[in-house]
């Protein structure tokens, strides 16, 4: 087999996602590229949780409609997903709780005999899966020993007992190559922030961005960064701006509802010219919407949020390598231009788990003329970017101001000063536009001579790239959405006669930006049910228009 797809399902609180991550890690240790899709309702316990782990010899970024193996911890998993089982597929199930055909294991009996606890049933079923696939025990044991944080000896004892109940059904073949890191999109972004030199991360937990907070908190001591969880999203952005004022590179994370509360603070950052990185992970709206499902419907909100006019930078990674690069670049851009820099992602990418590169991006510090004295925080400069001095500094008063102010930071309502400061920020916007309008900020794939072009952004690009493998189409995908890299985008579009736009929104978010620049898609493939598309689903939809 060239690839494997496994669906594992049960109730919320049963550790389904963690079991999926261990399965993915075992595949990764055997040289495979792995992707994990996680699906769960907004419940702490109960409800139906499932995840799909897909392993292949080539990089992958989405799931397929059919799976080779279903692992069922409850009857609902079989009842809900039986139609997803491929021909010659198999169901592995806990026969104490599930009635179906396949390979049934008495999980409860094994746990009771060895005096374990119910959650250890996950370890038992992981062992059963890889015994069926024909993977040697030492590979499974090695990953279990690293990935299970508690009572590893008892878990391994239970895993071995379950292992012995099954005979291999397939002849598994590992791939040569080193183990690939297997991390969530949130974790890839967080590592990018660390590579960019982040000093402080402030967040109030909000699905689906919470993984960034959890990961950075877990490494705060070894990395030396400050991680703080205030009482609200309003406190989050104000605290982060306080860090920024003192010269610390700060970042925050949230989703659409939390960002609504941050918009006044965003305008403060724009007026006071305070750098900040803002991660917004989109979920289905409006309002509470579907808190644990995905969307790409906040782009225009992020682009126009806050009162008044001020420059901002918005990037949308589609894979782990881009998450690393753009996470690091967001820190650099926010500091260099003294603006808000956004990483705009979504539930699919944030909570999806991917194998990726182990190499970190290199960031080069920018050099600018230092401040002159006496110091003016908003001193004029041809590019609109004032030299920064952080407090405390002997003999200098360093003022930032949310009110209209002069070069010293002193409040004013003078019309000439007001016009001067607006024009200063406009010059900064122009320099930012020139900075982002580079070919490397446009991803091009597929048949680069094709006259049919597919435009997509963010997490949608992964499944699109797989879906068009046998088609003569060109993919054009901007990594930077604001300022829009118009010249580079139009260059990438040369020769395209038919345009198909694909995104997960109901009204076409990127469509509005494209039309501002004279680019009008001929067809739109829009999805807005909160779920990402499988490879086969997108392939069928694209073929209708080519």
Protein backbone atom coordinates (compact mmCIF):
# COMPACT_ATOMS: atom_id res chain seq x y z
CA UNK A 1 0.00 0.00 0.00
CA UNK A 2 1.21 3.50 -0.84
CA UNK A 3 -0.81 5.12 1.92
CA UNK A 4 -2.97 4.32 4.92
CA UNK A 5 -6.05 6.05 6.33
CA UNK A 6 -7.29 5.23 9.82
CA UNK A 7 -10.40 6.64 11.50
CA UNK A 8 -10.60 6.40 15.29
CA UNK A 9 -13.80 7.35 17.10
CA UNK A 10 -15.35 7.50 20.56
CA UNK A 11 -16.75 9.89 23.14
CA UNK A 12 -15.31 13.25 24.16
CA UNK A 13 -13.00 12.68 27.11
CA UNK A 14 -11.86 9.26 25.86
CA UNK A 15 -8.55 10.59 24.56
CA UNK A 16 -9.38 10.03 20.89
CA UNK A 17 -7.24 12.91 19.59
CA UNK A 18 -4.24 11.91 21.70
CA UNK A 19 -4.53 8.33 20.47
CA UNK A 20 -4.58 9.66 16.91
CA UNK A 21 -1.42 11.68 17.56
CA UNK A 22 0.38 8.58 18.82
CA UNK A 23 -0.72 6.64 15.74
CA UNK A 24 0.55 9.47 13.55
CA UNK A 25 3.84 9.58 15.47
CA UNK A 26 4.40 5.86 14.87
CA UNK A 27 3.84 6.32 11.14
CA UNK A 28 6.18 9.31 11.21
CA UNK A 29 8.86 7.24 12.96
CA UNK A 30 8.65 4.83 10.04
CA UNK A 31 9.40 7.57 7.51
CA UNK A 32 5.87 8.43 6.40
CA UNK A 33 4.36 11.86 5.82
CA UNK A 34 1.32 12.14 8.08
CA UNK A 35 -1.77 14.33 8.38
CA UNK A 36 -4.38 14.14 11.14
CA UNK A 37 -7.83 15.68 10.92
CA UNK A 38 -9.62 16.18 14.26
CA UNK A 39 -13.43 16.49 14.54
CA UNK A 40 -15.22 17.12 17.83
CA UNK A 41 -18.30 18.97 19.14
CA UNK A 42 -18.13 21.79 21.67
CA UNK A 43 -18.50 19.48 24.67
CA UNK A 44 -16.13 18.59 27.50
CA UNK A 45 -17.52 15.07 27.81
CA UNK A 46 -19.94 13.06 25.71
CA UNK A 47 -20.81 13.66 22.10
CA UNK A 48 -18.96 11.97 19.25
CA UNK A 49 -15.27 12.60 18.62
CA UNK A 50 -13.27 11.21 15.76
CA UNK A 51 -10.05 11.83 13.92
CA UNK A 52 -8.63 10.58 10.65
CA UNK A 53 -4.93 9.79 10.42
CA UNK A 54 -3.53 9.55 6.92
CA UNK A 55 0.01 8.37 6.19
CA UNK A 56 1.61 8.46 2.74
CA UNK A 57 4.97 8.38 1.00
CA UNK A 58 4.52 11.94 -0.30
CA UNK A 59 3.60 15.14 1.61
CA UNK A 60 -0.15 15.30 2.35
CA UNK A 61 -2.37 18.00 3.82
CA UNK A 62 -5.89 16.60 3.99
CA UNK A 63 -7.92 13.40 4.40
CA UNK A 64 -9.63 11.12 1.91
CA UNK A 65 -13.31 10.17 1.79
CA UNK A 66 -12.54 6.48 2.44
CA UNK A 67 -10.44 4.87 5.19
CA UNK A 68 -8.69 1.51 5.37
CA UNK A 69 -9.26 0.96 9.09
CA UNK A 70 -11.94 2.10 11.53
CA UNK A 71 -11.05 1.88 15.22
CA UNK A 72 -14.32 1.95 17.17
CA UNK A 73 -14.47 2.55 20.90
CA UNK A 74 -18.26 2.88 20.81
CA UNK A 75 -21.22 1.83 18.68
CA UNK A 76 -21.78 5.34 17.35
CA UNK A 77 -18.43 5.26 15.57
CA UNK A 78 -19.53 2.25 13.52
CA UNK A 79 -23.04 3.57 12.95
CA UNK A 80 -21.77 6.99 11.82
CA UNK A 81 -18.74 6.05 9.74
CA UNK A 82 -19.33 2.59 8.28
CA UNK A 83 -19.95 4.12 4.85
CA UNK A 84 -16.40 5.56 4.93
CA UNK A 85 -14.80 2.11 5.06
CA UNK A 86 -12.99 1.31 1.80
CA UNK A 87 -13.25 -2.00 0.01
CA UNK A 88 -11.22 -4.64 1.87
CA UNK A 89 -11.09 -2.31 4.87
CA UNK A 90 -11.32 -3.60 8.43
CA UNK A 91 -12.96 -2.50 11.67
CA UNK A 92 -11.01 -2.91 14.92
CA UNK A 93 -13.38 -2.58 17.85
CA UNK A 94 -13.89 -2.96 21.57
CA UNK A 95 -16.18 -5.98 21.61
CA UNK A 96 -17.32 -5.16 25.14
CA UNK A 97 -19.06 -2.03 23.73
CA UNK A 98 -19.48 -2.53 19.97
CA UNK A 99 -21.39 -5.04 17.85
CA UNK A 100 -20.10 -5.32 14.27
CA UNK A 101 -17.96 -7.41 11.96
CA UNK A 102 -14.19 -7.20 12.03
CA UNK A 103 -11.56 -7.78 14.67
CA UNK A 104 -13.01 -7.45 18.15
CA UNK A 105 -10.83 -7.08 21.23
CA UNK A 106 -12.06 -7.38 24.80
CA UNK A 107 -10.45 -4.18 26.01
CA UNK A 108 -12.24 -4.19 29.37
CA UNK A 109 -11.12 -7.73 30.13
CA UNK A 110 -7.47 -6.99 29.33
CA UNK A 111 -7.50 -3.84 31.47
CA UNK A 112 -9.18 -5.58 34.40
CA UNK A 113 -6.82 -8.54 34.31
CA UNK A 114 -3.78 -6.26 34.36
CA UNK A 115 -5.32 -3.78 36.85
CA UNK A 116 -5.19 -0.83 34.49
CA UNK A 117 -7.59 2.09 34.03
CA UNK A 118 -10.11 2.65 31.17
CA UNK A 119 -8.05 5.28 29.31
CA UNK A 120 -5.36 2.63 28.74
CA UNK A 121 -7.73 1.05 26.25
CA UNK A 122 -6.33 3.57 23.76
CA UNK A 123 -2.86 2.09 24.15
CA UNK A 124 -4.27 -1.42 23.68
CA UNK A 125 -6.08 -0.50 20.46
CA UNK A 126 -3.01 1.31 19.06
CA UNK A 127 -1.06 -1.89 19.58
CA UNK A 128 -3.80 -3.91 17.87
CA UNK A 129 -3.76 -1.56 14.86
CA UNK A 130 -0.04 -1.84 14.24
CA UNK A 131 0.00 -5.58 14.87
CA UNK A 132 -2.67 -5.90 12.18
CA UNK A 133 -0.65 -3.66 9.81
CA UNK A 134 2.45 -5.80 10.37
CA UNK A 135 4.64 -3.18 12.09
CA UNK A 136 7.35 -4.64 14.37
CA UNK A 137 6.72 -4.28 18.11
CA UNK A 138 9.96 -2.39 18.77
CA UNK A 139 8.79 0.54 16.63
CA UNK A 140 5.49 0.72 18.49
CA UNK A 141 7.11 0.33 21.90
CA UNK A 142 9.65 3.07 21.18
CA UNK A 143 7.01 5.69 20.30
CA UNK A 144 4.65 4.67 23.12
CA UNK A 145 7.51 5.06 25.60
CA UNK A 146 8.12 8.63 24.41
CA UNK A 147 4.54 9.76 23.94
CA UNK A 148 2.72 8.42 27.01
CA UNK A 149 3.47 10.74 29.95
CA UNK A 150 2.20 8.59 32.85
CA UNK A 151 2.30 4.94 33.94
CA UNK A 152 4.25 3.86 30.88
CA UNK A 153 5.11 0.41 32.24
CA UNK A 154 1.46 -0.45 32.83
CA UNK A 155 0.49 0.96 29.42
CA UNK A 156 3.15 -1.14 27.69
CA UNK A 157 2.02 -4.23 29.59
CA UNK A 158 -1.56 -3.72 28.39
CA UNK A 159 -0.39 -2.93 24.86
CA UNK A 160 1.59 -6.17 24.67
CA UNK A 161 -1.35 -8.20 25.96
CA UNK A 162 -3.59 -6.72 23.25
CA UNK A 163 -0.84 -7.21 20.65
CA UNK A 164 -0.82 -10.96 21.28
CA UNK A 165 -4.55 -11.29 20.52
CA UNK A 166 -4.13 -10.35 16.83
CA UNK A 167 -2.23 -11.80 13.88
CA UNK A 168 -0.84 -9.53 11.13
CA UNK A 169 -3.23 -8.90 8.25
CA UNK A 170 -0.98 -6.72 6.10
CA UNK A 171 2.69 -6.63 5.18
CA UNK A 172 3.78 -3.16 6.22
CA UNK A 173 6.78 -1.58 4.54
CA UNK A 174 8.61 1.29 6.29
CA UNK A 175 10.13 4.11 4.25
CA UNK A 176 13.79 4.95 4.50
CA UNK A 177 14.43 8.34 6.03
CA UNK A 178 14.52 10.10 9.35
CA UNK A 179 11.57 10.61 11.65
CA UNK A 180 9.65 13.74 10.71
CA UNK A 181 8.35 16.17 13.35
CA UNK A 182 4.60 15.66 13.78
CA UNK A 183 2.98 18.79 15.23
CA UNK A 184 -0.25 20.74 15.07
CA UNK A 185 -0.49 23.86 12.94
CA UNK A 186 -0.66 25.89 16.16
CA UNK A 187 2.62 24.37 17.29
CA UNK A 188 4.31 25.04 13.94
CA UNK A 189 3.21 28.69 14.20
CA UNK A 190 4.45 28.90 17.79
CA UNK A 191 7.88 27.58 16.82
CA UNK A 192 7.95 30.20 14.07
CA UNK A 193 7.31 32.90 16.67
CA UNK A 194 10.17 31.55 18.78
CA UNK A 195 12.45 31.52 15.73
CA UNK A 196 11.52 35.17 15.15
CA UNK A 197 12.66 36.10 18.66
CA UNK A 198 9.35 36.50 20.46
CA UNK A 199 9.71 37.65 24.09
CA UNK A 200 6.14 37.47 25.39
CA UNK A 201 2.94 35.63 24.45
CA UNK A 202 -0.35 36.75 25.99
CA UNK A 203 -3.64 34.94 25.37
CA UNK A 204 -7.03 34.07 26.76
CA UNK A 205 -7.83 30.48 25.67
CA UNK A 206 -10.17 30.42 22.68
CA UNK A 207 -10.67 27.51 20.32
CA UNK A 208 -9.04 26.93 17.87
CA UNK A 209 -6.01 29.10 18.76
CA UNK A 210 -5.50 27.75 22.29
CA UNK A 211 -2.84 25.28 21.18
CA UNK A 212 -0.38 28.14 20.66
CA UNK A 213 -0.84 29.20 24.30
CA UNK A 214 -0.54 25.65 25.62
CA UNK A 215 2.61 24.92 23.62
CA UNK A 216 4.42 28.17 24.47
CA UNK A 217 3.50 27.79 28.14
CA UNK A 218 5.04 24.30 28.08
CA UNK A 219 8.36 25.64 26.76
CA UNK A 220 8.40 29.04 28.50
CA UNK A 221 11.02 28.03 31.06
CA UNK A 222 13.48 26.58 28.55
CA UNK A 223 13.03 29.39 26.01
CA UNK A 224 12.98 32.25 28.52
CA UNK A 225 9.81 33.84 27.14
CA UNK A 226 6.99 35.24 29.25
CA UNK A 227 3.60 33.53 28.80
CA UNK A 228 0.58 35.04 30.53
CA UNK A 229 -3.15 34.30 30.65
CA UNK A 230 -5.08 37.44 31.69
CA UNK A 231 -8.77 37.68 32.56
CA UNK A 232 -10.11 38.73 29.13
CA UNK A 233 -9.20 39.40 25.51
CA UNK A 234 -9.25 43.15 26.20
CA UNK A 235 -6.63 42.66 28.89
CA UNK A 236 -4.67 40.41 26.53
CA UNK A 237 -4.02 43.00 23.84
CA UNK A 238 -3.44 45.87 26.27
CA UNK A 239 -0.92 43.83 28.25
CA UNK A 240 0.83 42.82 25.02
CA UNK A 241 1.05 46.47 23.95
CA UNK A 242 2.56 47.24 27.33
CA UNK A 243 5.25 44.66 26.67
CA UNK A 244 5.78 46.20 23.24
CA UNK A 245 6.25 49.69 24.71
CA UNK A 246 9.07 48.34 26.90
CA UNK A 247 10.85 46.89 23.86
CA UNK A 248 9.68 43.30 24.14
CA UNK A 249 8.51 41.46 21.02
CA UNK A 250 4.97 40.43 21.94
CA UNK A 251 2.25 38.31 20.38
CA UNK A 252 -1.35 37.41 21.17
CA UNK A 253 -3.70 34.68 19.93
CA UNK A 254 -7.46 34.43 19.61
CA UNK A 255 -10.35 33.64 17.27
CA UNK A 256 -13.00 35.89 15.72
CA UNK A 257 -15.10 36.43 18.85
CA UNK A 258 -12.08 37.28 20.98
CA UNK A 259 -10.64 39.52 18.31
CA UNK A 260 -13.89 41.53 18.32
CA UNK A 261 -12.94 42.58 21.84
CA UNK A 262 -9.39 43.44 20.78
CA UNK A 263 -10.27 45.87 17.99
CA UNK A 264 -10.03 49.02 20.12
CA UNK A 265 -6.59 47.87 21.26
CA UNK A 266 -5.72 47.23 17.63
CA UNK A 267 -6.47 50.87 16.81
CA UNK A 268 -4.32 51.89 19.77
CA UNK A 269 -1.45 49.90 18.21
CA UNK A 270 -2.07 51.68 14.90
CA UNK A 271 -2.06 55.19 16.37
CA UNK A 272 0.72 54.61 18.90
CA UNK A 273 2.78 52.69 16.28
CA UNK A 274 3.38 49.80 18.66
CA UNK A 275 4.46 46.50 17.12
CA UNK A 276 2.37 43.43 17.90
CA UNK A 277 1.79 40.00 16.35
CA UNK A 278 -1.82 38.81 16.37
CA UNK A 279 -2.75 35.20 15.59
CA UNK A 280 -6.40 34.84 14.58
CA UNK A 281 -7.60 31.28 13.99
CA UNK A 282 -10.94 31.33 12.21
CA UNK A 283 -13.94 29.21 13.11
CA UNK A 284 -17.48 29.11 11.79
CA UNK A 285 -19.53 32.22 12.60
CA UNK A 286 -21.31 34.58 12.97
CA UNK A 287 -21.23 34.99 16.76
CA UNK A 288 -20.60 31.69 18.55
CA UNK A 289 -21.37 29.81 15.32
CA UNK A 290 -19.68 26.42 15.41
CA UNK A 291 -16.93 26.87 18.03
CA UNK A 292 -14.99 23.75 17.09
CA UNK A 293 -15.29 23.85 13.30
CA UNK A 294 -13.56 25.73 10.52
CA UNK A 295 -14.07 28.68 8.15
CA UNK A 296 -12.24 31.32 6.12
CA UNK A 297 -14.84 34.01 6.69
CA UNK A 298 -12.92 36.57 8.79
CA UNK A 299 -10.46 37.90 6.21
CA UNK A 300 -12.33 41.12 5.46
CA UNK A 301 -12.96 41.68 9.18
CA UNK A 302 -9.26 41.35 10.00
CA UNK A 303 -8.34 43.52 7.04
CA UNK A 304 -10.62 46.40 8.09
CA UNK A 305 -10.81 46.00 11.88
CA UNK A 306 -10.32 49.07 14.04
CA UNK A 307 -11.35 52.68 13.55
CA UNK A 308 -9.26 54.93 11.37
CA UNK A 309 -6.59 54.10 8.82
CA UNK A 310 -3.24 52.51 9.57
CA UNK A 311 -1.00 49.89 7.95
CA UNK A 312 -1.13 46.20 8.83
CA UNK A 313 0.37 42.97 7.51
CA UNK A 314 -1.70 39.78 7.11
CA UNK A 315 -0.19 36.38 6.26
CA UNK A 316 -1.95 33.03 5.77
CA UNK A 317 0.24 29.89 6.00
CA UNK A 318 -0.90 26.71 4.26
CA UNK A 319 1.66 24.19 5.53
CA UNK A 320 4.20 23.70 8.35
CA UNK A 321 7.14 25.24 6.46
CA UNK A 322 5.12 28.39 5.77
CA UNK A 323 3.93 28.49 9.38
CA UNK A 324 7.54 28.50 10.53
CA UNK A 325 8.61 31.13 8.01
CA UNK A 326 5.62 33.44 8.38
CA UNK A 327 5.53 33.10 12.16
CA UNK A 328 9.12 34.30 12.31
CA UNK A 329 8.54 36.96 9.68
CA UNK A 330 5.51 38.31 11.55
CA UNK A 331 7.74 39.11 14.53
CA UNK A 332 10.28 40.77 12.26
CA UNK A 333 7.71 42.77 10.24
CA UNK A 334 5.81 44.01 13.29
CA UNK A 335 9.04 45.21 14.91
CA UNK A 336 10.59 46.67 11.75
CA UNK A 337 7.50 48.60 10.65
CA UNK A 338 5.99 49.17 14.12
CA UNK A 339 2.61 47.81 13.03
CA UNK A 340 0.18 44.97 13.82
CA UNK A 341 1.22 41.81 11.95
CA UNK A 342 -1.42 39.07 11.64
CA UNK A 343 -1.11 35.34 11.19
CA UNK A 344 -4.55 34.43 9.83
CA UNK A 345 -5.27 30.73 10.06
CA UNK A 346 -8.29 28.50 10.72
CA UNK A 347 -9.42 25.48 12.71
CA UNK A 348 -8.38 23.07 9.97
CA UNK A 349 -4.76 24.23 10.03
CA UNK A 350 -4.54 25.19 13.71
CA UNK A 351 -5.71 21.83 15.06
CA UNK A 352 -4.73 19.66 12.11
CA UNK A 353 -1.49 17.78 12.76
CA UNK A 354 1.21 17.60 10.10
CA UNK A 355 4.66 16.24 9.52
CA UNK A 356 7.02 18.93 8.39
CA UNK A 357 10.58 20.15 8.11
CA UNK A 358 12.92 20.17 11.09
CA UNK A 359 14.85 23.23 9.85
CA UNK A 360 14.09 26.62 11.36
CA UNK A 361 13.84 29.80 9.28
CA UNK A 362 16.70 32.26 9.47
CA UNK A 363 15.81 35.82 10.33
CA UNK A 364 18.25 38.64 9.72
CA UNK A 365 18.05 41.65 12.03
CA UNK A 366 17.26 44.87 10.24
CA UNK A 367 19.54 47.86 10.72
CA UNK A 368 18.24 51.41 10.85
CA UNK A 369 19.73 54.69 11.98
CA UNK A 370 19.59 55.04 15.73
CA UNK A 371 17.64 57.73 17.58
CA UNK A 372 18.84 61.29 17.89
CA UNK A 373 18.66 63.25 21.13
CA UNK A 374 16.68 64.77 22.63
CA UNK A 375 14.55 61.79 21.68
CA UNK A 376 11.29 62.10 19.75
CA UNK A 377 9.30 58.87 19.68
CA UNK A 378 7.58 59.79 16.40
CA UNK A 379 10.49 61.52 14.68
CA UNK A 380 10.05 61.94 10.94
CA UNK A 381 11.89 59.65 8.53
CA UNK A 382 11.62 59.21 4.72
CA UNK A 383 10.08 55.73 5.11
CA UNK A 384 7.72 56.82 7.90
CA UNK A 385 9.39 54.52 10.42
CA UNK A 386 10.69 56.32 13.49
CA UNK A 387 13.77 55.10 15.40
CA UNK A 388 12.66 53.28 18.54
CA UNK A 389 14.03 53.77 22.03
CA UNK A 390 12.65 51.67 24.88
CA UNK A 391 12.25 52.84 28.46
CA UNK A 392 13.91 53.36 30.78
CA UNK A 393 16.59 55.51 29.19
CA UNK A 394 18.59 58.03 31.22
CA UNK A 395 17.53 61.60 30.67
CA UNK A 396 14.79 60.82 28.14
CA UNK A 397 11.00 60.80 28.38
CA UNK A 398 9.60 58.21 25.95
CA UNK A 399 5.95 58.87 25.20
CA UNK A 400 3.43 56.82 23.24
CA UNK A 401 -0.06 58.15 22.71
CA UNK A 402 -3.43 56.89 21.47
CA UNK A 403 -4.53 60.49 20.81
CA UNK A 404 -3.38 62.39 17.75
CA UNK A 405 0.10 63.55 18.69
CA UNK A 406 3.18 65.37 17.47
CA UNK A 407 6.66 63.89 16.95
CA UNK A 408 7.31 64.00 20.69
CA UNK A 409 4.16 62.04 21.48
CA UNK A 410 2.38 65.08 22.92
CA UNK A 411 -1.38 65.27 22.33
CA UNK A 412 -2.49 67.75 19.69
CA UNK A 413 -5.53 68.67 17.61
CA UNK A 414 -3.62 70.91 15.22
CA UNK A 415 -4.75 70.18 11.62
CA UNK A 416 -1.26 70.50 10.12
CA UNK A 417 0.26 68.13 12.67
CA UNK A 418 -2.65 65.74 12.18
CA UNK A 419 -2.08 65.72 8.42
CA UNK A 420 1.67 65.28 8.89
CA UNK A 421 1.27 62.21 11.12
CA UNK A 422 -1.27 60.63 8.77
CA UNK A 423 1.08 61.12 5.84
CA UNK A 424 3.92 59.62 7.89
CA UNK A 425 1.88 56.42 8.35
CA UNK A 426 0.99 56.47 4.63
CA UNK A 427 4.69 56.49 3.71
CA UNK A 428 5.13 53.49 5.98
CA UNK A 429 2.26 51.75 4.17
CA UNK A 430 3.95 52.36 0.81
CA UNK A 431 7.25 50.90 2.01
CA UNK A 432 5.36 47.91 3.40
CA UNK A 433 3.66 47.38 0.02
CA UNK A 434 7.04 47.30 -1.70
CA UNK A 435 8.38 44.91 0.92
CA UNK A 436 5.61 42.28 0.46
CA UNK A 437 5.36 42.46 -3.34
CA UNK A 438 7.91 39.70 -3.99
CA UNK A 439 7.59 36.45 -5.97
CA UNK A 440 8.22 34.28 -2.88
CA UNK A 441 4.96 35.57 -1.42
CA UNK A 442 2.97 33.90 -4.21
CA UNK A 443 2.80 30.09 -4.23
CA UNK A 444 2.55 28.59 -7.73
CA UNK A 445 2.00 24.88 -8.41
CA UNK A 446 0.44 22.48 -10.89
CA UNK A 447 0.85 23.01 -14.63
CA UNK A 448 2.51 26.41 -14.75
CA UNK A 449 1.62 26.81 -18.44
CA UNK A 450 -2.07 26.00 -17.94
CA UNK A 451 -4.67 28.56 -19.00
CA UNK A 452 -7.01 27.59 -16.14
CA UNK A 453 -5.97 29.00 -12.78
CA UNK A 454 -7.17 28.06 -9.31
CA UNK A 455 -6.84 30.76 -6.66
CA UNK A 456 -6.97 29.69 -3.02
CA UNK A 457 -5.40 30.63 0.30
CA UNK A 458 -4.55 29.15 3.67
CA UNK A 459 -5.44 25.58 4.59
CA UNK A 460 -7.55 25.06 1.46
CA UNK A 461 -4.42 24.97 -0.70
CA UNK A 462 -3.26 21.58 0.62
CA UNK A 463 -6.28 19.59 -0.56
CA UNK A 464 -6.43 21.61 -3.80
CA UNK A 465 -2.82 20.70 -4.57
CA UNK A 466 -3.60 17.00 -4.17
CA UNK A 467 -6.90 17.21 -6.06
CA UNK A 468 -5.40 18.63 -9.28
CA UNK A 469 -2.60 16.08 -9.71
CA UNK A 470 -4.05 14.72 -12.97
CA UNK A 471 -5.42 18.03 -14.30
CA UNK A 472 -3.93 20.75 -16.48
CA UNK A 473 -4.50 23.64 -14.09
CA UNK A 474 -2.31 26.18 -12.34
CA UNK A 475 -2.54 27.00 -8.62
CA UNK A 476 -1.89 30.61 -7.62
CA UNK A 477 -2.01 31.18 -3.87
CA UNK A 478 -1.01 34.41 -2.08
CA UNK A 479 0.78 33.97 1.25
CA UNK A 480 0.37 37.66 2.10
CA UNK A 481 -3.15 39.05 1.91
CA UNK A 482 -2.52 42.60 3.16
CA UNK A 483 -0.94 44.56 1.62
CA UNK A 484 -1.85 42.47 -1.40
CA UNK A 485 1.27 41.69 -3.54
CA UNK A 486 -0.41 42.83 -6.74
CA UNK A 487 2.52 42.94 -9.17
CA UNK A 488 3.81 39.50 -8.20
CA UNK A 489 0.30 38.07 -8.27
CA UNK A 490 -0.44 39.42 -11.74
CA UNK A 491 2.91 38.05 -12.94
CA UNK A 492 1.94 34.61 -11.65
CA UNK A 493 -1.41 34.92 -13.46
CA UNK A 494 0.08 35.59 -16.90
CA UNK A 495 -1.54 33.33 -19.49
CA UNK A 496 -4.50 32.38 -17.29
CA UNK A 497 -7.78 32.70 -19.17
CA UNK A 498 -10.19 31.04 -16.75
CA UNK A 499 -10.13 31.61 -12.97
CA UNK A 500 -11.62 29.32 -10.31
CA UNK A 501 -11.66 30.65 -6.74
CA UNK A 502 -11.82 28.09 -3.93
CA UNK A 503 -12.32 29.06 -0.28
CA UNK A 504 -14.30 28.16 2.81
CA UNK A 505 -16.67 31.10 3.01
CA UNK A 506 -20.20 31.84 1.82
CA UNK A 507 -19.58 35.24 0.22
CA UNK A 508 -16.07 35.01 -1.19
CA UNK A 509 -13.64 36.84 1.11
CA UNK A 510 -10.60 36.74 -1.16
CA UNK A 511 -12.93 37.42 -4.10
CA UNK A 512 -13.48 40.95 -2.79
CA UNK A 513 -9.75 41.66 -2.64
CA UNK A 514 -9.18 40.23 -6.10
CA UNK A 515 -11.88 42.42 -7.60
CA UNK A 516 -10.31 45.52 -6.04
CA UNK A 517 -7.28 44.74 -8.20
CA UNK A 518 -9.22 44.01 -11.39
CA UNK A 519 -9.17 40.21 -11.07
CA UNK A 520 -12.61 38.66 -11.49
CA UNK A 521 -12.97 34.89 -10.92
CA UNK A 522 -15.14 33.07 -13.47
CA UNK A 523 -16.26 30.41 -11.01
CA UNK A 524 -16.32 30.01 -7.24
CA UNK A 525 -16.20 26.80 -5.21
CA UNK A 526 -17.32 27.85 -1.76
CA UNK A 527 -17.79 25.62 1.27
CA UNK A 528 -19.40 26.88 4.47
CA UNK A 529 -20.57 23.90 6.54
CA UNK A 530 -17.62 24.08 8.93
CA UNK A 531 -15.83 21.05 7.50
CA UNK A 532 -12.73 20.83 5.30
CA UNK A 533 -12.91 19.08 1.93
CA UNK A 534 -11.42 15.68 1.22
CA UNK A 535 -9.23 15.20 -1.86
CA UNK A 536 -11.92 13.40 -3.85
CA UNK A 537 -14.60 15.98 -3.04
CA UNK A 538 -12.52 18.84 -4.39
CA UNK A 539 -11.41 16.87 -7.43
CA UNK A 540 -15.04 16.29 -8.41
CA UNK A 541 -15.97 19.95 -7.92
CA UNK A 542 -12.98 21.28 -9.87
CA UNK A 543 -13.63 18.99 -12.85
CA UNK A 544 -17.02 20.65 -13.34
CA UNK A 545 -15.31 23.87 -14.42
CA UNK A 546 -12.29 22.76 -16.47
